[in-house]
Amino acid sequence: MTESNGSCCAGPGYASPQEAIKAPREKVVYTICIYTGTGVEKPDYLATIDVDEESATYGKVIHRTEMPVVGDELHHMGWNACSSCNTDGSMERKYLIIPGVRTTNFHIVDTATDPRKPTLFKTIDGEEIKAKTNLSAPHTVHCLGADIIVSMLGDADGNGPGGFLHLDKDFNIVGRWENDLADMKYNYDFWYQPRHNMMISTEWASPNTFMPGFDLEDVARGKYGQHIHFWDFKNRRVEQSIDLGEEGLIPLEARFHHNPDSTHGFVGAALASNIFHYHKDNGKLEINKVIDVPPVDVEGFPVPMPSLITDILVSMDDRYLYFSNWLHGDLRQYDISDPSNPKLTGQVWIGGLLGKAPEVNGRTVDGAPQMIQLSLDGKRLYVTTSLFSTWDNQFYPSMKDKGGVMLIVDCDNENGGMRIRDDFLVDFGEEPHGPARAHETRYPGGDCSSDIWI
């Protein structure tokens, strides 16, 4: 499927963020569905969901692409090609790379032959990856021209710091991508801005720490991250590590501006529930806290409850920042026209532990906003509710038996504001093999966290 990319070139993606905004709107979306940790002994799968309002199957799962084994814990996914190879006519946005965090298997799914019925193309065995690279627990997948780079959260035994896996365009294991991790203790997300030779990476914890569930004592033991790392991208080396301290505990998702000439970006510190803004000023890195979500005293919770910022997004025009507060239960929209001074412009409540919106569109929400994905035109935010199986079971135990949900939040990207669409709810509690969790979502033509411009 060739994208209308506003370019003279036949490559995938779009010539610029401005061209991406003009792309045709999504008709289907792909969402990861997870049986791992539910008691259902079935493989995790990729759900294809009809989001065309004119369609008879609007709001329905129209296809399920099962993985070949049980217990992968699919989590994040990314494309084989994006706007980073827009000028390469030999490349096509054809395959979703879908790794399993627990198995380190990489499932390559063909979405182009029939976008409404993706098929499994091949699987890279996790044991082969561990043996060749001493890496495990894959997380973020980014395309880099014809190559694919994946953040890996552990070594073969599940200890930190992990590293980065390098695959070629045919999904062969090239090896480890990085040359020098310096003093990096943990790994998680990453994003790069090649025109400035910049890359940022963040920290969660080692797989052996986060996989069993969350233990508050592990924070005091230093088993969770509080550093972010800025890289010499060309030479694949950590150039500067910044300790965010208690204000930056568990810095998870990182986003640069989409404008490839900008050095501005944001990091969400999950446990501290803060947003940091970073940029370069005359070549010098500046980083400051710009949003602070205060904790709330909740009866029965051992400490003041953090909001737990688990996902953040920047709209394609770099005007709005969105993030989810997975424990409190709200989604927020901020105007970041001035990146150092965000202004709250929208907020909606979906489930959560504060009891603000236990039911949405007639369905009890067993969970809260977690993964979010924004349409290229910035008008539709797709929201799912699962974080990670063991953490779900700990904080939202009913999700195991009731399943996750997907909602659409309509976003006013001119004046600000958000509204939950009242005619759309995908109930993953009604799946054929039993209730499933729902995690990351991708669109066939790219989205606001899939494409990078070089």
Protein backbone atom coordinates (compact mmCIF):
# COMPACT_ATOMS: atom_id res chain seq x y z
CA MET A 1 0.00 0.00 0.00
CA THR A 2 1.68 3.22 -1.15
CA GLU A 3 1.15 6.22 1.10
CA SER A 4 0.28 9.62 -0.30
CA ASN A 5 3.43 11.20 1.03
CA GLY A 6 3.69 14.63 -0.51
CA SER A 7 7.01 13.70 -2.07
CA CYS A 8 8.43 13.17 -5.51
CA CYS A 9 9.91 10.00 -4.11
CA ALA A 10 8.35 6.58 -3.89
CA GLY A 11 9.54 5.74 -0.40
CA PRO A 12 7.31 5.19 2.64
CA GLY A 13 6.03 7.81 5.01
CA TYR A 14 5.87 11.52 4.28
CA ALA A 15 8.23 14.23 3.09
CA SER A 16 7.64 16.29 6.26
CA PRO A 17 5.43 16.43 9.36
CA GLN A 18 3.28 18.98 7.54
CA GLU A 19 2.62 16.46 4.76
CA ALA A 20 1.86 13.74 7.31
CA ILE A 21 -0.88 15.92 8.81
CA LYS A 22 -2.60 16.02 5.39
CA ALA A 23 -2.58 12.21 4.98
CA PRO A 24 -5.84 10.28 4.58
CA ARG A 25 -7.41 9.45 7.93
CA GLU A 26 -7.07 5.95 9.36
CA LYS A 27 -9.79 3.40 8.48
CA VAL A 28 -8.41 0.56 10.60
CA VAL A 29 -6.02 0.44 13.54
CA TYR A 30 -3.89 -2.39 14.92
CA THR A 31 -3.87 -3.07 18.64
CA ILE A 32 -1.86 -5.53 20.70
CA CYS A 33 -4.03 -7.91 22.73
CA ILE A 34 -2.56 -9.93 25.56
CA TYR A 35 -3.58 -13.16 27.25
CA THR A 36 -0.35 -13.39 29.22
CA GLY A 37 -1.22 -13.15 32.92
CA THR A 38 -4.98 -13.65 32.46
CA GLY A 39 -5.08 -17.39 32.98
CA VAL A 40 -6.18 -17.91 29.36
CA GLU A 41 -3.62 -20.27 27.82
CA LYS A 42 -3.77 -18.80 24.33
CA PRO A 43 -1.25 -16.79 22.31
CA ASP A 44 -1.27 -13.01 22.39
CA TYR A 45 -2.49 -11.48 19.14
CA LEU A 46 -2.79 -8.40 16.96
CA ALA A 47 -6.36 -7.12 16.70
CA THR A 48 -7.45 -5.22 13.60
CA ILE A 49 -10.18 -2.75 14.54
CA ASP A 50 -12.50 -0.97 12.11
CA VAL A 51 -12.52 2.77 12.90
CA ASP A 52 -14.31 3.93 9.73
CA GLU A 53 -17.49 5.66 10.89
CA GLU A 54 -19.18 4.82 7.58
CA SER A 55 -18.51 1.10 7.95
CA ALA A 56 -21.00 -1.53 9.11
CA THR A 57 -18.28 -2.95 11.38
CA TYR A 58 -17.26 0.39 12.94
CA GLY A 59 -15.90 -0.17 16.43
CA LYS A 60 -15.51 -3.93 15.95
CA VAL A 61 -12.50 -6.25 15.94
CA ILE A 62 -12.57 -7.51 12.36
CA HIS A 63 -9.49 -9.76 12.43
CA ARG A 64 -7.14 -11.38 14.93
CA THR A 65 -3.58 -12.33 13.99
CA GLU A 66 -2.44 -14.91 16.53
CA MET A 67 1.19 -15.29 17.47
CA PRO A 68 2.63 -18.84 17.28
CA VAL A 69 3.38 -19.35 21.00
CA VAL A 70 1.80 -18.71 24.40
CA GLY A 71 3.31 -16.27 26.89
CA ASP A 72 5.10 -13.66 24.74
CA GLU A 73 3.57 -10.64 26.51
CA LEU A 74 3.40 -8.47 23.42
CA HIS A 75 3.94 -4.88 24.49
CA HIS A 76 5.19 -2.31 21.98
CA MET A 77 5.59 -2.55 18.21
CA GLY A 78 6.97 -0.54 15.32
CA TRP A 79 7.29 -0.43 11.56
CA ASN A 80 10.01 -1.82 9.30
CA ALA A 81 10.05 1.51 7.44
CA CYS A 82 8.81 5.04 8.06
CA SER A 83 9.47 8.60 6.90
CA SER A 84 13.16 8.15 7.71
CA CYS A 85 13.44 6.36 4.34
CA ASN A 86 10.95 8.53 2.45
CA THR A 87 13.38 8.96 -0.45
CA ASP A 88 14.12 5.22 -0.80
CA GLY A 89 11.81 3.79 -3.46
CA SER A 90 12.86 0.24 -2.60
CA MET A 91 11.33 0.45 0.89
CA GLU A 92 7.70 0.00 1.91
CA ARG A 93 5.84 0.32 5.20
CA LYS A 94 4.78 -3.30 5.03
CA TYR A 95 5.67 -5.06 8.27
CA LEU A 96 4.89 -4.48 11.92
CA ILE A 97 7.66 -5.73 14.18
CA ILE A 98 5.96 -7.08 17.31
CA PRO A 99 8.29 -8.38 20.03
CA GLY A 100 7.40 -10.33 23.17
CA VAL A 101 8.87 -8.81 26.33
CA ARG A 102 8.94 -12.12 28.19
CA THR A 103 10.18 -14.39 25.38
CA THR A 104 12.27 -11.92 23.31
CA ASN A 105 10.60 -13.45 20.23
CA PHE A 106 10.14 -10.99 17.36
CA HIS A 107 7.02 -11.56 15.28
CA ILE A 108 7.05 -9.89 11.86
CA VAL A 109 3.50 -9.26 10.62
CA ASP A 110 2.59 -8.34 7.03
CA THR A 111 -0.05 -5.59 7.10
CA ALA A 112 0.27 -4.44 3.49
CA THR A 113 -0.92 -7.46 1.49
CA ASP A 114 -4.35 -7.12 3.11
CA PRO A 115 -4.49 -4.29 5.68
CA ARG A 116 -7.74 -5.68 7.09
CA LYS A 117 -6.28 -9.16 7.60
CA PRO A 118 -2.60 -9.01 8.61
CA THR A 119 -0.65 -12.26 8.46
CA LEU A 120 2.41 -13.56 10.29
CA PHE A 121 5.40 -13.35 7.94
CA LYS A 122 8.13 -14.77 10.15
CA THR A 123 9.36 -15.07 13.75
CA ILE A 124 12.87 -14.40 15.04
CA ASP A 125 13.49 -16.75 17.94
CA GLY A 126 14.24 -14.97 21.20
CA GLU A 127 16.83 -17.55 22.19
CA GLU A 128 18.80 -16.75 19.03
CA ILE A 129 18.75 -13.04 19.90
CA LYS A 130 19.93 -13.77 23.45
CA ALA A 131 22.71 -16.04 22.21
CA LYS A 132 23.99 -13.60 19.57
CA THR A 133 23.66 -10.31 21.47
CA ASN A 134 23.23 -11.09 25.19
CA LEU A 135 20.07 -8.96 25.10
CA SER A 136 16.47 -9.64 26.16
CA ALA A 137 13.12 -7.96 26.90
CA PRO A 138 12.52 -5.81 23.80
CA HIS A 139 10.64 -2.54 24.11
CA THR A 140 10.68 0.40 21.64
CA VAL A 141 11.02 -0.32 17.90
CA HIS A 142 12.22 2.46 15.57
CA CYS A 143 13.11 2.32 11.90
CA LEU A 144 16.30 4.10 10.89
CA GLY A 145 16.39 4.31 7.12
CA ALA A 146 16.50 0.69 6.00
CA ASP A 147 17.56 -0.59 9.43
CA ILE A 148 15.61 -1.31 12.62
CA ILE A 149 16.78 -0.41 16.13
CA VAL A 150 15.10 -1.82 19.26
CA SER A 151 15.66 -0.91 22.90
CA MET A 152 16.30 -4.03 24.97
CA LEU A 153 15.74 -3.84 28.72
CA GLY A 154 17.97 -6.65 29.94
CA ASP A 155 20.80 -9.03 29.25
CA ALA A 156 20.10 -12.68 28.46
CA ASP A 157 19.58 -13.36 32.19
CA GLY A 158 17.19 -10.44 32.74
CA ASN A 159 19.65 -8.08 34.42
CA GLY A 160 20.36 -4.46 33.48
CA PRO A 161 21.43 -2.39 31.69
CA GLY A 162 20.29 -3.99 28.44
CA GLY A 163 21.20 -2.20 25.22
CA PHE A 164 20.01 -1.85 21.64
CA LEU A 165 19.36 -4.56 19.05
CA HIS A 166 20.17 -3.87 15.40
CA LEU A 167 18.22 -5.67 12.65
CA ASP A 168 18.69 -5.17 8.92
CA LYS A 169 15.79 -4.60 6.52
CA ASP A 170 15.42 -8.36 5.99
CA PHE A 171 15.17 -8.89 9.77
CA ASN A 172 18.58 -10.48 10.11
CA ILE A 173 20.31 -9.94 13.45
CA VAL A 174 23.18 -7.52 12.82
CA GLY A 175 24.17 -7.44 16.50
CA ARG A 176 24.17 -4.75 19.14
CA TRP A 177 23.69 -1.23 17.81
CA GLU A 178 25.45 0.75 20.53
CA ASN A 179 29.21 1.20 20.89
CA ASP A 180 29.28 2.50 24.47
CA LEU A 181 26.60 2.55 27.19
CA ALA A 182 28.86 4.47 29.61
CA ASP A 183 27.33 4.25 33.12
CA MET A 184 23.78 3.50 31.98
CA LYS A 185 22.07 1.25 34.55
CA TYR A 186 18.73 0.58 32.87
CA ASN A 187 16.99 1.04 29.54
CA TYR A 188 13.48 1.71 28.27
CA ASP A 189 12.38 4.15 25.56
CA PHE A 190 14.40 6.11 22.99
CA TRP A 191 13.94 8.70 20.27
CA TYR A 192 16.41 10.32 17.94
CA GLN A 193 16.83 13.62 16.07
CA PRO A 194 19.54 13.00 13.44
CA ARG A 195 19.97 16.58 12.21
CA HIS A 196 21.30 17.45 15.65
CA ASN A 197 23.13 14.14 16.16
CA MET A 198 20.91 13.63 19.21
CA MET A 199 19.29 10.59 20.76
CA ILE A 200 17.62 10.28 24.16
CA SER A 201 17.08 7.06 26.10
CA THR A 202 15.24 6.53 29.38
CA GLU A 203 15.13 4.01 32.24
CA TRP A 204 12.58 1.64 33.74
CA ALA A 205 14.29 -1.21 35.60
CA SER A 206 15.85 -4.58 34.87
CA PRO A 207 13.39 -7.25 33.69
CA ASN A 208 14.09 -9.24 36.85
CA THR A 209 12.78 -6.28 38.85
CA PHE A 210 9.69 -5.15 36.91
CA MET A 211 8.41 -8.47 35.55
CA PRO A 212 7.19 -9.94 38.87
CA GLY A 213 5.27 -6.72 39.70
CA PHE A 214 5.92 -3.45 41.51
CA ASP A 215 7.58 -3.51 44.93
CA LEU A 216 7.85 -0.04 46.48
CA GLU A 217 10.92 -1.16 48.42
CA ASP A 218 12.75 -1.66 45.11
CA VAL A 219 12.63 2.10 44.55
CA ALA A 220 14.51 2.74 47.79
CA ARG A 221 16.96 -0.02 46.85
CA GLY A 222 17.84 1.85 43.64
CA LYS A 223 16.34 -0.83 41.43
CA TYR A 224 14.35 1.67 39.35
CA GLY A 225 15.80 4.29 37.05
CA GLN A 226 16.04 8.04 37.53
CA HIS A 227 18.48 8.95 34.74
CA ILE A 228 18.02 9.99 31.15
CA HIS A 229 20.80 9.63 28.63
CA PHE A 230 21.71 11.85 25.70
CA TRP A 231 23.70 10.16 22.95
CA ASP A 232 26.18 11.03 20.25
CA PHE A 233 23.87 9.43 17.72
CA LYS A 234 26.37 9.09 14.89
CA ASN A 235 28.99 7.41 17.07
CA ARG A 236 26.43 5.44 19.08
CA ARG A 237 27.78 6.51 22.46
CA VAL A 238 26.20 7.98 25.59
CA GLU A 239 27.46 11.56 25.70
CA GLN A 240 25.74 12.86 28.83
CA SER A 241 23.67 11.20 31.56
CA ILE A 242 21.42 13.33 33.75
CA ASP A 243 20.25 12.24 37.19
CA LEU A 244 16.72 13.59 37.59
CA GLY A 245 16.66 12.64 41.28
CA GLU A 246 13.43 12.05 43.18
CA GLU A 247 11.62 14.49 40.87
CA GLY A 248 12.39 12.18 37.96
CA LEU A 249 11.81 8.68 39.33
CA ILE A 250 11.15 6.13 36.60
CA PRO A 251 11.49 8.30 33.46
CA LEU A 252 9.64 6.26 30.86
CA GLU A 253 8.43 7.77 27.59
CA ALA A 254 10.47 10.36 25.67
CA ARG A 255 9.37 12.42 22.68
CA PHE A 256 11.24 14.91 20.53
CA HIS A 257 9.37 17.48 18.49
CA HIS A 258 8.47 16.06 15.08
CA ASN A 259 10.11 19.05 13.39
CA PRO A 260 13.53 17.57 12.51
CA ASP A 261 15.19 20.96 12.97
CA SER A 262 14.08 21.25 16.61
CA THR A 263 16.03 20.09 19.67
CA HIS A 264 12.99 20.36 21.98
CA GLY A 265 11.47 17.32 23.62
CA PHE A 266 9.70 15.95 26.69
CA VAL A 267 10.14 13.08 29.15
CA GLY A 268 7.46 11.72 31.47
CA ALA A 269 8.71 10.57 34.90
CA ALA A 270 6.13 7.93 35.79
CA LEU A 271 6.52 7.46 39.54
CA ALA A 272 7.38 11.10 40.29
CA SER A 273 4.48 12.09 37.99
CA ASN A 274 6.33 14.99 36.39
CA ILE A 275 7.00 16.12 32.83
CA PHE A 276 10.46 17.45 31.95
CA HIS A 277 11.23 19.64 28.94
CA TYR A 278 14.68 19.51 27.34
CA HIS A 279 16.38 21.33 24.49
CA LYS A 280 19.75 22.63 23.41
CA ASP A 281 20.53 26.31 23.87
CA ASN A 282 23.62 27.33 21.87
CA GLY A 283 24.75 23.72 21.95
CA LYS A 284 24.25 23.32 25.71
CA LEU A 285 21.62 20.91 26.99
CA GLU A 286 18.93 22.43 29.21
CA ILE A 287 16.36 20.35 31.10
CA ASN A 288 13.63 21.55 33.47
CA LYS A 289 10.50 20.21 35.12
CA VAL A 290 7.49 21.92 33.50
CA ILE A 291 4.47 19.91 34.74
CA ASP A 292 3.94 18.43 38.20
CA VAL A 293 0.91 16.23 38.90
CA PRO A 294 0.51 16.13 42.68
CA PRO A 295 -0.11 12.83 44.49
CA VAL A 296 -3.44 12.19 46.21
CA ASP A 297 -4.05 10.63 49.62
CA VAL A 298 -6.18 7.52 49.09
CA GLU A 299 -7.37 5.32 51.94
CA GLY A 300 -5.61 1.96 51.92
CA PHE A 301 -2.80 3.08 49.59
CA PRO A 302 0.59 2.87 51.36
CA VAL A 303 1.85 6.28 50.21
CA PRO A 304 0.22 9.37 48.65
CA MET A 305 -0.92 7.96 45.30
CA PRO A 306 1.16 9.19 42.34
CA SER A 307 -0.72 9.76 39.11
CA LEU A 308 1.76 7.44 37.32
CA ILE A 309 2.41 9.07 33.95
CA THR A 310 2.82 6.03 31.73
CA ASP A 311 2.55 7.36 28.18
CA ILE A 312 3.12 10.74 26.51
CA LEU A 313 2.61 11.99 22.95
CA VAL A 314 3.35 15.13 20.95
CA SER A 315 0.96 16.05 18.15
CA MET A 316 2.39 16.09 14.63
CA ASP A 317 2.28 19.91 14.50
CA ASP A 318 4.24 20.05 17.82
CA ARG A 319 1.49 22.14 19.39
CA TYR A 320 -0.03 19.73 21.92
CA LEU A 321 1.34 17.32 24.51
CA TYR A 322 -0.86 14.48 25.74
CA PHE A 323 -0.27 12.12 28.65
CA SER A 324 -2.04 9.46 30.66
CA ASN A 325 -2.21 9.17 34.46
CA TRP A 326 -2.72 5.44 34.90
CA LEU A 327 -3.43 5.36 38.64
CA HIS A 328 -5.46 8.56 38.94
CA GLY A 329 -7.43 7.81 35.76
CA ASP A 330 -7.19 10.97 33.67
CA LEU A 331 -5.88 11.95 30.25
CA ARG A 332 -4.52 15.45 29.76
CA GLN A 333 -3.89 17.80 26.86
CA TYR A 334 -1.43 20.71 27.15
CA ASP A 335 -0.69 23.52 24.70
CA ILE A 336 3.09 23.45 24.24
CA SER A 337 3.37 26.32 21.75
CA ASP A 338 5.86 27.57 24.34
CA PRO A 339 7.55 24.26 25.23
CA SER A 340 8.96 25.63 28.49
CA ASN A 341 5.53 26.75 29.71
CA PRO A 342 2.81 24.16 28.94
CA LYS A 343 -0.84 25.21 29.46
CA LEU A 344 -3.52 22.66 30.44
CA THR A 345 -6.24 22.81 27.77
CA GLY A 346 -8.10 19.51 28.13
CA GLN A 347 -8.77 16.66 30.54
CA VAL A 348 -11.01 13.57 30.60
CA TRP A 349 -11.48 10.82 33.19
CA ILE A 350 -11.58 7.11 32.34
CA GLY A 351 -11.64 4.58 35.20
CA GLY A 352 -8.71 4.90 37.60
CA LEU A 353 -8.36 4.48 41.35
CA LEU A 354 -9.75 7.88 42.38
CA GLY A 355 -13.32 6.90 41.45
CA LYS A 356 -13.91 9.91 39.18
CA ALA A 357 -15.27 7.89 36.22
CA PRO A 358 -15.74 4.21 37.08
CA GLU A 359 -18.01 3.75 34.06
CA VAL A 360 -17.58 5.12 30.54
CA ASN A 361 -20.04 4.62 27.67
CA GLY A 362 -22.01 2.16 29.78
CA ARG A 363 -19.04 -0.07 30.59
CA THR A 364 -17.17 -0.33 33.89
CA VAL A 365 -13.51 0.45 33.21
CA ASP A 366 -11.26 -2.09 34.90
CA GLY A 367 -8.12 -0.02 34.50
CA ALA A 368 -7.38 3.52 33.36
CA PRO A 369 -5.92 5.42 30.39
CA GLN A 370 -2.54 3.94 29.58
CA MET A 371 -1.36 3.62 25.98
CA ILE A 372 -2.43 6.53 23.79
CA GLN A 373 -2.04 7.02 20.06
CA LEU A 374 -2.90 10.18 18.14
CA SER A 375 -4.02 10.45 14.53
CA LEU A 376 -1.74 12.28 12.13
CA ASP A 377 -4.17 15.20 11.88
CA GLY A 378 -4.22 15.48 15.69
CA LYS A 379 -7.97 15.01 16.08
CA ARG A 380 -8.46 11.44 17.36
CA LEU A 381 -6.73 9.93 20.38
CA TYR A 382 -7.05 6.14 20.73
CA VAL A 383 -6.82 4.99 24.34
CA THR A 384 -6.29 1.53 25.87
CA THR A 385 -6.06 0.49 29.52
CA SER A 386 -3.37 -2.17 30.16
CA LEU A 387 0.14 -1.35 31.42
CA PHE A 388 1.88 -4.70 32.01
CA SER A 389 0.29 -7.99 33.05
CA THR A 390 1.71 -8.27 36.57
CA TRP A 391 1.20 -4.57 37.27
CA ASP A 392 -2.38 -4.79 35.92
CA ASN A 393 -3.06 -7.71 38.25
CA GLN A 394 -1.64 -5.74 41.16
CA PHE A 395 -3.41 -2.40 40.71
CA TYR A 396 -6.48 -3.39 38.67
CA PRO A 397 -7.07 -7.09 39.48
CA SER A 398 -10.52 -7.15 37.86
CA MET A 399 -8.96 -6.50 34.42
CA LYS A 400 -7.85 -10.13 34.35
CA ASP A 401 -11.47 -11.32 34.31
CA LYS A 402 -13.17 -8.37 32.60
CA GLY A 403 -10.61 -7.46 29.93
CA GLY A 404 -9.44 -4.13 28.64
CA VAL A 405 -11.18 -1.48 26.54
CA MET A 406 -10.38 0.91 23.73
CA LEU A 407 -11.92 4.37 23.50
CA ILE A 408 -11.59 7.31 21.14
CA VAL A 409 -11.10 10.79 22.59
CA ASP A 410 -11.91 13.54 20.10
CA CYS A 411 -9.41 16.39 20.42
CA ASP A 412 -9.96 20.04 19.53
CA ASN A 413 -6.59 20.91 18.02
CA GLU A 414 -7.49 24.53 17.31
CA ASN A 415 -8.82 25.82 20.64
CA GLY A 416 -7.88 22.93 22.92
CA GLY A 417 -10.22 20.51 24.62
CA MET A 418 -11.02 16.78 24.72
CA ARG A 419 -14.24 14.73 24.62
CA ILE A 420 -14.75 10.97 24.90
CA ARG A 421 -16.60 9.77 21.81
CA ASP A 422 -19.85 8.24 23.04
CA ASP A 423 -20.52 5.85 20.15
CA PHE A 424 -17.20 3.96 20.27
CA LEU A 425 -16.00 1.37 22.76
CA VAL A 426 -14.14 -1.83 21.97
CA ASP A 427 -14.77 -4.28 24.81
CA PHE A 428 -11.93 -6.81 24.89
CA GLY A 429 -13.80 -8.69 27.60
CA GLU A 430 -15.92 -10.17 24.80
CA GLU A 431 -13.09 -11.78 22.81
CA PRO A 432 -13.59 -15.34 21.46
CA HIS A 433 -11.02 -17.00 23.77
CA GLY A 434 -11.98 -14.91 26.78
CA PRO A 435 -11.10 -11.48 28.20
CA ALA A 436 -7.91 -9.94 26.82
CA ARG A 437 -5.85 -6.90 27.79
CA ALA A 438 -5.22 -4.19 25.17
CA HIS A 439 -1.94 -2.30 24.86
CA GLU A 440 -0.26 -0.32 22.04
CA THR A 441 -2.04 0.84 18.88
CA ARG A 442 -0.61 1.61 15.42
CA TYR A 443 -2.16 2.96 12.20
CA PRO A 444 -1.33 1.59 8.71
CA GLY A 445 -0.18 5.01 7.47
CA GLY A 446 1.87 5.94 10.52
CA ASP A 447 1.00 7.89 13.64
CA CYS A 448 2.41 10.41 16.11
CA SER A 449 5.05 8.12 17.61
CA SER A 450 6.09 6.03 14.60
CA ASP A 451 7.83 8.36 12.15
CA ILE A 452 11.09 10.28 12.38
CA TRP A 453 12.52 12.63 9.77
CA ILE A 454 16.21 12.72 8.88
